[in-house]
Amino acid sequence: MSLLPDGFSFSQASLQDFEVCRRRFYLRYVLGLRWPASPAEPIDEHERRVRMGTEFHCLAQQHLLGVPVERLASSSREPELEEWWQSYLTTDPVAKYSESDGRATIRTEVSLMAPLAGYRLMARYDVLVVSPGDRAVVLDWKTSDRPPNGVWLRERLQSRVYPYVLVAAGAHLNAGEPIEPRTVDMVYWYPCFPDQAVRLPYSSPQHEENQRYLIDLVTTIAELGEDAFVRSDDERVCLYCPYRSYCDRGERAGDLFESPDELDLAADPDDFDLDLEQIAEIEF
């Protein structure tokens, strides 16, 4: 019998947690414990970066929904956030994938859900630009102050889950026709590095491989007993994990400014807690 809560739905965030540390997954998603501590110190600086990341996402969303730029202007924003915002306005990354095609539809903060191995797999997109029958671009905002790392991004669960769910559950965004994997691009855009967007093209072989990988991963998680949800062997991870005190791995958080690059403890807002009522569930 699976330990997962009834009606449990997977996301790229929960799957990434499992791959980083099985115990973290267990504490958060099986036991339902909330974050007991800050993942990094200084706490005020970490919270400031998360807050700025959230504000940037909100600004971009309002702009794409048609709110005039002048109404989004503010003299009270932090200088760093204002630089991100001006970088966005100057570069206009969404226009790059939409202005040359009058059929393109731009959607922001779109959530989709697809069935997978007896469960549901959710994805929430910052921006989707879809030209029916031709092209589908996933744009994801990354407000990290660290330069983009294409190799690291390609290995993240997000780069598997987002294009997979779009192909599996996005036909209604494509005039009712299935989205072909070869038409999908995953693009990560950094306001700190506007000219260094990372583009990851998708393909049918990748889609098939991702499906196998995700089914195997979800099936493995669902079949594990409590004793199999073990702590990570990499104690660097524990330094930046808010559950470290539950695992006797210390109480003090790691230094935000010295965190390993692969932990990416920057300003992107938390996307773990999705509202199920706002997610379109696609049944097959």
C-alpha atoms as a PDB file:
ATOM      1  CA  MET A   1       0.000   0.000   0.000  1.00  0.00           C
ATOM      2  CA  SER A   2       1.397   3.396  -0.980  1.00  0.00           C
ATOM      3  CA  LEU A   3       2.278   5.879   1.748  1.00  0.00           C
ATOM      4  CA  LEU A   4       1.242   8.800  -0.452  1.00  0.00           C
ATOM      5  CA  PRO A   5      -1.818  10.766   0.685  1.00  0.00           C
ATOM      6  CA  ASP A   6      -5.094  10.025  -1.088  1.00  0.00           C
ATOM      7  CA  GLY A   7      -5.424  12.035  -4.277  1.00  0.00           C
ATOM      8  CA  PHE A   8      -1.750  12.997  -4.238  1.00  0.00           C
ATOM      9  CA  SER A   9      -0.526  14.861  -7.316  1.00  0.00           C
ATOM     10  CA  PHE A  10       3.105  15.109  -8.383  1.00  0.00           C
ATOM     11  CA  SER A  11       4.846  18.238  -9.642  1.00  0.00           C
ATOM     12  CA  GLN A  12       8.322  19.035 -10.867  1.00  0.00           C
ATOM     13  CA  ALA A  13       9.050  20.448  -7.413  1.00  0.00           C
ATOM     14  CA  SER A  14       8.049  17.322  -5.503  1.00  0.00           C
ATOM     15  CA  LEU A  15       9.904  15.064  -7.931  1.00  0.00           C
ATOM     16  CA  GLN A  16      13.001  17.273  -7.679  1.00  0.00           C
ATOM     17  CA  ASP A  17      12.791  17.063  -3.899  1.00  0.00           C
ATOM     18  CA  PHE A  18      12.721  13.264  -4.103  1.00  0.00           C
ATOM     19  CA  GLU A  19      15.768  13.182  -6.342  1.00  0.00           C
ATOM     20  CA  VAL A  20      17.678  15.559  -4.059  1.00  0.00           C
ATOM     21  CA  CYS A  21      16.679  13.827  -0.814  1.00  0.00           C
ATOM     22  CA  ARG A  22      14.118  11.075  -0.306  1.00  0.00           C
ATOM     23  CA  ARG A  23      13.709  12.013   3.349  1.00  0.00           C
ATOM     24  CA  ARG A  24      12.838  15.589   2.459  1.00  0.00           C
ATOM     25  CA  PHE A  25      10.120  14.298   0.136  1.00  0.00           C
ATOM     26  CA  TYR A  26       8.764  12.089   2.918  1.00  0.00           C
ATOM     27  CA  LEU A  27       8.692  14.858   5.515  1.00  0.00           C
ATOM     28  CA  ARG A  28       7.026  17.362   3.221  1.00  0.00           C
ATOM     29  CA  TYR A  29       4.684  15.356   1.027  1.00  0.00           C
ATOM     30  CA  VAL A  30       3.923  12.216   3.027  1.00  0.00           C
ATOM     31  CA  LEU A  31       3.842  13.625   6.566  1.00  0.00           C
ATOM     32  CA  GLY A  32       2.777  17.071   5.382  1.00  0.00           C
ATOM     33  CA  LEU A  33       5.210  18.995   7.596  1.00  0.00           C
ATOM     34  CA  ARG A  34       5.572  22.654   6.764  1.00  0.00           C
ATOM     35  CA  TRP A  35       8.916  24.438   6.368  1.00  0.00           C
ATOM     36  CA  PRO A  36      10.273  24.578   9.945  1.00  0.00           C
ATOM     37  CA  ALA A  37      13.289  26.777   9.200  1.00  0.00           C
ATOM     38  CA  SER A  38      14.851  29.105   6.681  1.00  0.00           C
ATOM     39  CA  PRO A  39      16.868  27.307   3.994  1.00  0.00           C
ATOM     40  CA  ALA A  40      19.673  29.870   4.112  1.00  0.00           C
ATOM     41  CA  GLU A  41      21.169  32.719   6.098  1.00  0.00           C
ATOM     42  CA  PRO A  42      21.123  35.641   6.385  1.00  0.00           C
ATOM     43  CA  ILE A  43      17.413  35.016   6.646  1.00  0.00           C
ATOM     44  CA  ASP A  44      16.413  38.591   5.801  1.00  0.00           C
ATOM     45  CA  GLU A  45      18.412  38.508   2.573  1.00  0.00           C
ATOM     46  CA  HIS A  46      16.995  35.151   1.522  1.00  0.00           C
ATOM     47  CA  GLU A  47      13.450  36.351   2.186  1.00  0.00           C
ATOM     48  CA  ARG A  48      14.153  39.576   0.285  1.00  0.00           C
ATOM     49  CA  ARG A  49      15.289  37.650  -2.784  1.00  0.00           C
ATOM     50  CA  VAL A  50      12.283  35.359  -2.684  1.00  0.00           C
ATOM     51  CA  ARG A  51       9.993  38.365  -2.326  1.00  0.00           C
ATOM     52  CA  MET A  52      11.599  40.112  -5.295  1.00  0.00           C
ATOM     53  CA  GLY A  53      11.251  36.963  -7.389  1.00  0.00           C
ATOM     54  CA  THR A  54       7.571  36.783  -6.555  1.00  0.00           C
ATOM     55  CA  GLU A  55       7.071  40.474  -7.350  1.00  0.00           C
ATOM     56  CA  PHE A  56       8.821  40.111 -10.698  1.00  0.00           C
ATOM     57  CA  HIS A  57       6.572  37.194 -11.657  1.00  0.00           C
ATOM     58  CA  CYS A  58       3.528  39.263 -10.694  1.00  0.00           C
ATOM     59  CA  LEU A  59       4.698  42.279 -12.698  1.00  0.00           C
ATOM     60  CA  ALA A  60       5.304  40.157 -15.804  1.00  0.00           C
ATOM     61  CA  GLN A  61       1.928  38.481 -15.413  1.00  0.00           C
ATOM     62  CA  GLN A  62       0.071  41.802 -15.120  1.00  0.00           C
ATOM     63  CA  HIS A  63       1.929  43.201 -18.113  1.00  0.00           C
ATOM     64  CA  LEU A  64       1.049  40.183 -20.252  1.00  0.00           C
ATOM     65  CA  LEU A  65      -2.576  40.470 -19.154  1.00  0.00           C
ATOM     66  CA  GLY A  66      -2.662  43.964 -20.624  1.00  0.00           C
ATOM     67  CA  VAL A  67      -2.075  46.255 -17.667  1.00  0.00           C
ATOM     68  CA  PRO A  68      -0.399  49.406 -19.086  1.00  0.00           C
ATOM     69  CA  VAL A  69       3.260  49.812 -18.223  1.00  0.00           C
ATOM     70  CA  GLU A  70       2.639  53.238 -16.697  1.00  0.00           C
ATOM     71  CA  ARG A  71       0.251  51.678 -14.189  1.00  0.00           C
ATOM     72  CA  LEU A  72       2.938  49.199 -13.182  1.00  0.00           C
ATOM     73  CA  ALA A  73       5.519  51.914 -12.603  1.00  0.00           C
ATOM     74  CA  SER A  74       6.643  52.345  -9.024  1.00  0.00           C
ATOM     75  CA  SER A  75       9.196  54.462  -7.231  1.00  0.00           C
ATOM     76  CA  SER A  76       9.099  52.229  -4.154  1.00  0.00           C
ATOM     77  CA  ARG A  77      10.556  49.074  -5.696  1.00  0.00           C
ATOM     78  CA  GLU A  78      13.999  47.938  -4.699  1.00  0.00           C
ATOM     79  CA  PRO A  79      16.655  49.060  -7.202  1.00  0.00           C
ATOM     80  CA  GLU A  80      17.516  45.443  -8.057  1.00  0.00           C
ATOM     81  CA  LEU A  81      13.909  44.591  -8.866  1.00  0.00           C
ATOM     82  CA  GLU A  82      13.595  47.773 -10.911  1.00  0.00           C
ATOM     83  CA  GLU A  83      16.635  46.690 -12.946  1.00  0.00           C
ATOM     84  CA  TRP A  84      14.986  43.319 -13.615  1.00  0.00           C
ATOM     85  CA  TRP A  85      11.793  45.035 -14.684  1.00  0.00           C
ATOM     86  CA  GLN A  86      13.548  47.418 -17.046  1.00  0.00           C
ATOM     87  CA  SER A  87      15.516  44.496 -18.469  1.00  0.00           C
ATOM     88  CA  TYR A  88      12.217  42.732 -19.161  1.00  0.00           C
ATOM     89  CA  LEU A  89      10.665  45.792 -20.811  1.00  0.00           C
ATOM     90  CA  THR A  90      13.730  46.509 -22.925  1.00  0.00           C
ATOM     91  CA  THR A  91      14.300  42.942 -24.084  1.00  0.00           C
ATOM     92  CA  ASP A  92      10.606  41.963 -24.349  1.00  0.00           C
ATOM     93  CA  PRO A  93      11.379  38.223 -24.368  1.00  0.00           C
ATOM     94  CA  VAL A  94       7.776  37.185 -25.049  1.00  0.00           C
ATOM     95  CA  ALA A  95       7.593  39.241 -28.253  1.00  0.00           C
ATOM     96  CA  LYS A  96      10.514  37.291 -29.674  1.00  0.00           C
ATOM     97  CA  TYR A  97       8.313  34.216 -29.845  1.00  0.00           C
ATOM     98  CA  SER A  98       4.995  35.812 -30.739  1.00  0.00           C
ATOM     99  CA  GLU A  99       5.189  39.035 -32.756  1.00  0.00           C
ATOM    100  CA  SER A 100       6.116  37.366 -36.066  1.00  0.00           C
ATOM    101  CA  ASP A 101       3.056  35.129 -35.968  1.00  0.00           C
ATOM    102  CA  GLY A 102      -0.371  36.714 -35.767  1.00  0.00           C
ATOM    103  CA  ARG A 103      -1.870  33.378 -34.715  1.00  0.00           C
ATOM    104  CA  ALA A 104       0.197  33.098 -31.537  1.00  0.00           C
ATOM    105  CA  THR A 105      -1.711  33.138 -28.270  1.00  0.00           C
ATOM    106  CA  ILE A 106       0.068  34.246 -25.124  1.00  0.00           C
ATOM    107  CA  ARG A 107      -1.048  32.771 -21.819  1.00  0.00           C
ATOM    108  CA  THR A 108       0.435  33.530 -18.423  1.00  0.00           C
ATOM    109  CA  GLU A 109       0.322  31.504 -15.192  1.00  0.00           C
ATOM    110  CA  VAL A 110      -1.267  28.530 -16.939  1.00  0.00           C
ATOM    111  CA  SER A 111      -1.668  25.259 -15.025  1.00  0.00           C
ATOM    112  CA  LEU A 112      -2.116  21.842 -16.618  1.00  0.00           C
ATOM    113  CA  MET A 113      -2.486  18.349 -15.243  1.00  0.00           C
ATOM    114  CA  ALA A 114      -1.932  15.007 -16.954  1.00  0.00           C
ATOM    115  CA  PRO A 115      -2.412  11.432 -15.729  1.00  0.00           C
ATOM    116  CA  LEU A 116       0.754   9.459 -15.074  1.00  0.00           C
ATOM    117  CA  ALA A 117       1.130   5.930 -13.683  1.00  0.00           C
ATOM    118  CA  GLY A 118      -2.162   6.114 -11.807  1.00  0.00           C
ATOM    119  CA  TYR A 119      -1.446   9.570 -10.398  1.00  0.00           C
ATOM    120  CA  ARG A 120      -1.580  13.142 -11.679  1.00  0.00           C
ATOM    121  CA  LEU A 121       1.363  15.233 -12.811  1.00  0.00           C
ATOM    122  CA  MET A 122       0.956  18.998 -12.557  1.00  0.00           C
ATOM    123  CA  ALA A 123       2.810  21.847 -14.205  1.00  0.00           C
ATOM    124  CA  ARG A 124       2.366  25.587 -13.773  1.00  0.00           C
ATOM    125  CA  TYR A 125       3.822  27.736 -16.527  1.00  0.00           C
ATOM    126  CA  ASP A 126       4.971  31.337 -16.256  1.00  0.00           C
ATOM    127  CA  VAL A 127       4.221  31.912 -19.957  1.00  0.00           C
ATOM    128  CA  LEU A 128       3.006  29.770 -22.859  1.00  0.00           C
ATOM    129  CA  VAL A 129       3.180  31.072 -26.418  1.00  0.00           C
ATOM    130  CA  VAL A 130       1.275  28.754 -28.755  1.00  0.00           C
ATOM    131  CA  SER A 131       0.866  29.096 -32.504  1.00  0.00           C
ATOM    132  CA  PRO A 132      -1.670  26.346 -33.337  1.00  0.00           C
ATOM    133  CA  GLY A 133      -0.160  23.574 -35.404  1.00  0.00           C
ATOM    134  CA  ASP A 134       3.197  25.299 -35.618  1.00  0.00           C
ATOM    135  CA  ARG A 135       4.994  26.159 -32.403  1.00  0.00           C
ATOM    136  CA  ALA A 136       4.645  26.016 -28.623  1.00  0.00           C
ATOM    137  CA  VAL A 137       7.116  27.874 -26.418  1.00  0.00           C
ATOM    138  CA  VAL A 138       7.393  27.496 -22.652  1.00  0.00           C
ATOM    139  CA  LEU A 139       8.946  30.610 -21.122  1.00  0.00           C
ATOM    140  CA  ASP A 140      10.152  30.377 -17.544  1.00  0.00           C
ATOM    141  CA  TRP A 141      11.450  33.332 -15.542  1.00  0.00           C
ATOM    142  CA  LYS A 142      14.601  32.711 -13.508  1.00  0.00           C
ATOM    143  CA  THR A 143      15.457  35.590 -11.183  1.00  0.00           C
ATOM    144  CA  SER A 144      18.761  34.132 -10.027  1.00  0.00           C
ATOM    145  CA  ASP A 145      21.795  36.399  -9.953  1.00  0.00           C
ATOM    146  CA  ARG A 146      23.974  33.501 -11.093  1.00  0.00           C
ATOM    147  CA  PRO A 147      24.720  33.122 -14.794  1.00  0.00           C
ATOM    148  CA  PRO A 148      22.535  30.617 -16.676  1.00  0.00           C
ATOM    149  CA  ASN A 149      23.896  27.075 -16.730  1.00  0.00           C
ATOM    150  CA  GLY A 150      22.363  25.172 -19.641  1.00  0.00           C
ATOM    151  CA  VAL A 151      23.732  21.802 -18.556  1.00  0.00           C
ATOM    152  CA  TRP A 152      22.299  22.180 -15.053  1.00  0.00           C
ATOM    153  CA  LEU A 153      18.942  23.383 -16.384  1.00  0.00           C
ATOM    154  CA  ARG A 154      18.658  20.487 -18.825  1.00  0.00           C
ATOM    155  CA  GLU A 155      19.102  18.018 -15.963  1.00  0.00           C
ATOM    156  CA  ARG A 156      16.402  19.556 -13.768  1.00  0.00           C
ATOM    157  CA  LEU A 157      13.052  17.822 -13.437  1.00  0.00           C
ATOM    158  CA  GLN A 158      11.387  21.015 -14.624  1.00  0.00           C
ATOM    159  CA  SER A 159      12.961  20.519 -18.054  1.00  0.00           C
ATOM    160  CA  ARG A 160      11.389  17.078 -18.253  1.00  0.00           C
ATOM    161  CA  VAL A 161       8.012  17.782 -16.653  1.00  0.00           C
ATOM    162  CA  TYR A 162       7.044  21.050 -18.348  1.00  0.00           C
ATOM    163  CA  PRO A 163       7.355  19.989 -21.995  1.00  0.00           C
ATOM    164  CA  TYR A 164       6.017  16.522 -21.180  1.00  0.00           C
ATOM    165  CA  VAL A 165       2.817  17.824 -19.568  1.00  0.00           C
ATOM    166  CA  LEU A 166       2.312  20.391 -22.324  1.00  0.00           C
ATOM    167  CA  VAL A 167       2.429  17.663 -24.981  1.00  0.00           C
ATOM    168  CA  ALA A 168       0.326  15.265 -22.914  1.00  0.00           C
ATOM    169  CA  ALA A 169      -2.330  17.730 -21.797  1.00  0.00           C
ATOM    170  CA  GLY A 170      -2.156  20.834 -24.013  1.00  0.00           C
ATOM    171  CA  ALA A 171      -4.307  19.942 -27.008  1.00  0.00           C
ATOM    172  CA  HIS A 172      -7.009  22.407 -25.955  1.00  0.00           C
ATOM    173  CA  LEU A 173      -4.395  25.161 -26.280  1.00  0.00           C
ATOM    174  CA  ASN A 174      -3.626  24.039 -29.833  1.00  0.00           C
ATOM    175  CA  ALA A 175      -7.052  24.306 -31.488  1.00  0.00           C
ATOM    176  CA  GLY A 176      -7.930  20.843 -30.186  1.00  0.00           C
ATOM    177  CA  GLU A 177      -5.037  19.118 -31.925  1.00  0.00           C
ATOM    178  CA  PRO A 178      -2.270  17.243 -30.082  1.00  0.00           C
ATOM    179  CA  ILE A 179       0.917  19.263 -29.653  1.00  0.00           C
ATOM    180  CA  GLU A 180       3.793  17.622 -31.485  1.00  0.00           C
ATOM    181  CA  PRO A 181       6.958  17.375 -29.343  1.00  0.00           C
ATOM    182  CA  ARG A 182       9.130  18.712 -32.187  1.00  0.00           C
ATOM    183  CA  THR A 183       7.228  22.026 -32.053  1.00  0.00           C
ATOM    184  CA  VAL A 184       7.995  22.619 -28.365  1.00  0.00           C
ATOM    185  CA  ASP A 185      10.806  24.763 -26.972  1.00  0.00           C
ATOM    186  CA  MET A 186      11.598  25.267 -23.288  1.00  0.00           C
ATOM    187  CA  VAL A 187      13.171  28.685 -22.731  1.00  0.00           C
ATOM    188  CA  TYR A 188      14.647  29.933 -19.459  1.00  0.00           C
ATOM    189  CA  TRP A 189      15.000  33.718 -19.335  1.00  0.00           C
ATOM    190  CA  TYR A 190      16.994  35.606 -16.704  1.00  0.00           C
ATOM    191  CA  PRO A 191      16.383  39.341 -16.202  1.00  0.00           C
ATOM    192  CA  CYS A 192      19.920  39.586 -14.788  1.00  0.00           C
ATOM    193  CA  PHE A 193      21.266  38.085 -18.020  1.00  0.00           C
ATOM    194  CA  PRO A 194      18.739  39.083 -20.697  1.00  0.00           C
ATOM    195  CA  ASP A 195      20.946  38.060 -23.622  1.00  0.00           C
ATOM    196  CA  GLN A 196      21.751  34.616 -22.229  1.00  0.00           C
ATOM    197  CA  ALA A 197      18.394  32.831 -22.459  1.00  0.00           C
ATOM    198  CA  VAL A 198      18.711  29.051 -22.418  1.00  0.00           C
ATOM    199  CA  ARG A 199      16.640  27.319 -25.112  1.00  0.00           C
ATOM    200  CA  LEU A 200      16.016  23.577 -24.863  1.00  0.00           C
ATOM    201  CA  PRO A 201      14.297  22.173 -27.982  1.00  0.00           C
ATOM    202  CA  TYR A 202      12.029  19.172 -27.475  1.00  0.00           C
ATOM    203  CA  SER A 203      11.522  16.089 -29.655  1.00  0.00           C
ATOM    204  CA  SER A 204       9.530  12.847 -29.915  1.00  0.00           C
ATOM    205  CA  PRO A 205      12.463  10.702 -28.677  1.00  0.00           C
ATOM    206  CA  GLN A 206      12.839  13.007 -25.684  1.00  0.00           C
ATOM    207  CA  HIS A 207       9.119  12.824 -24.993  1.00  0.00           C
ATOM    208  CA  GLU A 208       9.157   9.029 -25.045  1.00  0.00           C
ATOM    209  CA  GLU A 209      12.240   8.919 -22.832  1.00  0.00           C
ATOM    210  CA  ASN A 210      10.717  11.434 -20.416  1.00  0.00           C
ATOM    211  CA  GLN A 211       7.547   9.390 -20.211  1.00  0.00           C
ATOM    212  CA  ARG A 212       9.509   6.254 -19.315  1.00  0.00           C
ATOM    213  CA  TYR A 213      11.628   8.158 -16.819  1.00  0.00           C
ATOM    214  CA  LEU A 214       8.683   9.858 -15.112  1.00  0.00           C
ATOM    215  CA  ILE A 215       6.597   6.679 -14.951  1.00  0.00           C
ATOM    216  CA  ASP A 216       9.513   4.802 -13.397  1.00  0.00           C
ATOM    217  CA  LEU A 217      10.133   7.628 -10.911  1.00  0.00           C
ATOM    218  CA  VAL A 218       6.493   7.960  -9.857  1.00  0.00           C
ATOM    219  CA  THR A 219       6.075   4.192  -9.595  1.00  0.00           C
ATOM    220  CA  THR A 220       9.209   3.921  -7.459  1.00  0.00           C
ATOM    221  CA  ILE A 221       8.014   6.633  -5.072  1.00  0.00           C
ATOM    222  CA  ALA A 222       4.547   5.120  -4.770  1.00  0.00           C
ATOM    223  CA  GLU A 223       5.940   1.694  -3.866  1.00  0.00           C
ATOM    224  CA  LEU A 224       8.483   2.762  -1.240  1.00  0.00           C
ATOM    225  CA  GLY A 225       8.080   1.922   2.423  1.00  0.00           C
ATOM    226  CA  GLU A 226       8.915   4.400   5.186  1.00  0.00           C
ATOM    227  CA  ASP A 227      12.405   2.982   5.753  1.00  0.00           C
ATOM    228  CA  ALA A 228      13.321   3.623   2.115  1.00  0.00           C
ATOM    229  CA  PHE A 229      12.870   7.391   2.418  1.00  0.00           C
ATOM    230  CA  VAL A 230      16.454   7.882   3.538  1.00  0.00           C
ATOM    231  CA  ARG A 231      18.518  11.025   4.050  1.00  0.00           C
ATOM    232  CA  SER A 232      20.765  12.328   1.328  1.00  0.00           C
ATOM    233  CA  ASP A 233      24.411  11.304   1.551  1.00  0.00           C
ATOM    234  CA  ASP A 234      25.409  14.795   0.419  1.00  0.00           C
ATOM    235  CA  GLU A 235      25.401  16.861   3.600  1.00  0.00           C
ATOM    236  CA  ARG A 236      25.847  20.070   1.579  1.00  0.00           C
ATOM    237  CA  VAL A 237      22.183  19.620   0.696  1.00  0.00           C
ATOM    238  CA  CYS A 238      21.312  19.453   4.394  1.00  0.00           C
ATOM    239  CA  LEU A 239      22.923  22.825   5.087  1.00  0.00           C
ATOM    240  CA  TYR A 240      20.293  24.428   2.867  1.00  0.00           C
ATOM    241  CA  CYS A 241      17.340  22.218   3.775  1.00  0.00           C
ATOM    242  CA  PRO A 242      14.695  23.597   6.167  1.00  0.00           C
ATOM    243  CA  TYR A 243      14.085  20.057   7.455  1.00  0.00           C
ATOM    244  CA  ARG A 244      17.674  19.519   8.624  1.00  0.00           C
ATOM    245  CA  SER A 245      16.751  19.553  12.336  1.00  0.00           C
ATOM    246  CA  TYR A 246      14.366  16.623  11.790  1.00  0.00           C
ATOM    247  CA  CYS A 247      17.283  14.599  10.443  1.00  0.00           C
ATOM    248  CA  ASP A 248      19.868  15.555  13.077  1.00  0.00           C
ATOM    249  CA  ARG A 249      21.863  17.384  10.430  1.00  0.00           C
ATOM    250  CA  GLY A 250      22.221  20.639  12.378  1.00  0.00           C
ATOM    251  CA  GLU A 251      19.985  23.606  13.125  1.00  0.00           C
ATOM    252  CA  ARG A 252      21.844  26.528  11.576  1.00  0.00           C
ATOM    253  CA  ALA A 253      21.250  27.263   7.905  1.00  0.00           C
ATOM    254  CA  GLY A 254      24.040  27.474   5.357  1.00  0.00           C
ATOM    255  CA  ASP A 255      25.408  30.777   4.087  1.00  0.00           C
ATOM    256  CA  LEU A 256      23.317  32.056   1.178  1.00  0.00           C
ATOM    257  CA  PHE A 257      26.355  33.612  -0.475  1.00  0.00           C
ATOM    258  CA  GLU A 258      28.387  30.407  -0.293  1.00  0.00           C
ATOM    259  CA  SER A 259      25.728  27.944  -1.422  1.00  0.00           C
ATOM    260  CA  PRO A 260      26.755  25.535  -4.216  1.00  0.00           C
ATOM    261  CA  ASP A 261      25.622  26.689  -7.639  1.00  0.00           C
ATOM    262  CA  GLU A 262      23.521  23.593  -8.215  1.00  0.00           C
ATOM    263  CA  LEU A 263      21.292  24.392  -5.228  1.00  0.00           C
ATOM    264  CA  ASP A 264      20.122  27.626  -6.915  1.00  0.00           C
ATOM    265  CA  LEU A 265      18.932  29.298  -3.711  1.00  0.00           C
ATOM    266  CA  ALA A 266      18.126  32.503  -5.534  1.00  0.00           C
ATOM    267  CA  ALA A 267      14.989  34.550  -5.807  1.00  0.00           C
ATOM    268  CA  ASP A 268      12.563  32.340  -7.671  1.00  0.00           C
ATOM    269  CA  PRO A 269       9.259  32.021  -5.799  1.00  0.00           C
ATOM    270  CA  ASP A 270       8.220  28.743  -4.287  1.00  0.00           C
ATOM    271  CA  ASP A 271       5.990  26.723  -6.643  1.00  0.00           C
ATOM    272  CA  PHE A 272       5.216  23.778  -4.403  1.00  0.00           C
ATOM    273  CA  ASP A 273       1.754  24.768  -3.211  1.00  0.00           C
ATOM    274  CA  LEU A 274      -0.564  24.707  -6.195  1.00  0.00           C
ATOM    275  CA  ASP A 275      -4.286  25.414  -6.001  1.00  0.00           C
ATOM    276  CA  LEU A 276      -5.964  22.301  -7.404  1.00  0.00           C
ATOM    277  CA  GLU A 277      -9.154  24.207  -8.167  1.00  0.00           C
ATOM    278  CA  GLN A 278      -7.282  26.385 -10.662  1.00  0.00           C
ATOM    279  CA  ILE A 279      -5.680  23.494 -12.562  1.00  0.00           C
ATOM    280  CA  ALA A 280      -7.205  22.096 -15.737  1.00  0.00           C
ATOM    281  CA  GLU A 281      -7.233  18.324 -15.459  1.00  0.00           C
ATOM    282  CA  ILE A 282      -7.003  16.547 -18.789  1.00  0.00           C
ATOM    283  CA  GLU A 283      -8.412  13.013 -18.859  1.00  0.00           C
ATOM    284  CA  PHE A 284      -7.640  10.402 -21.512  1.00  0.00           C
END
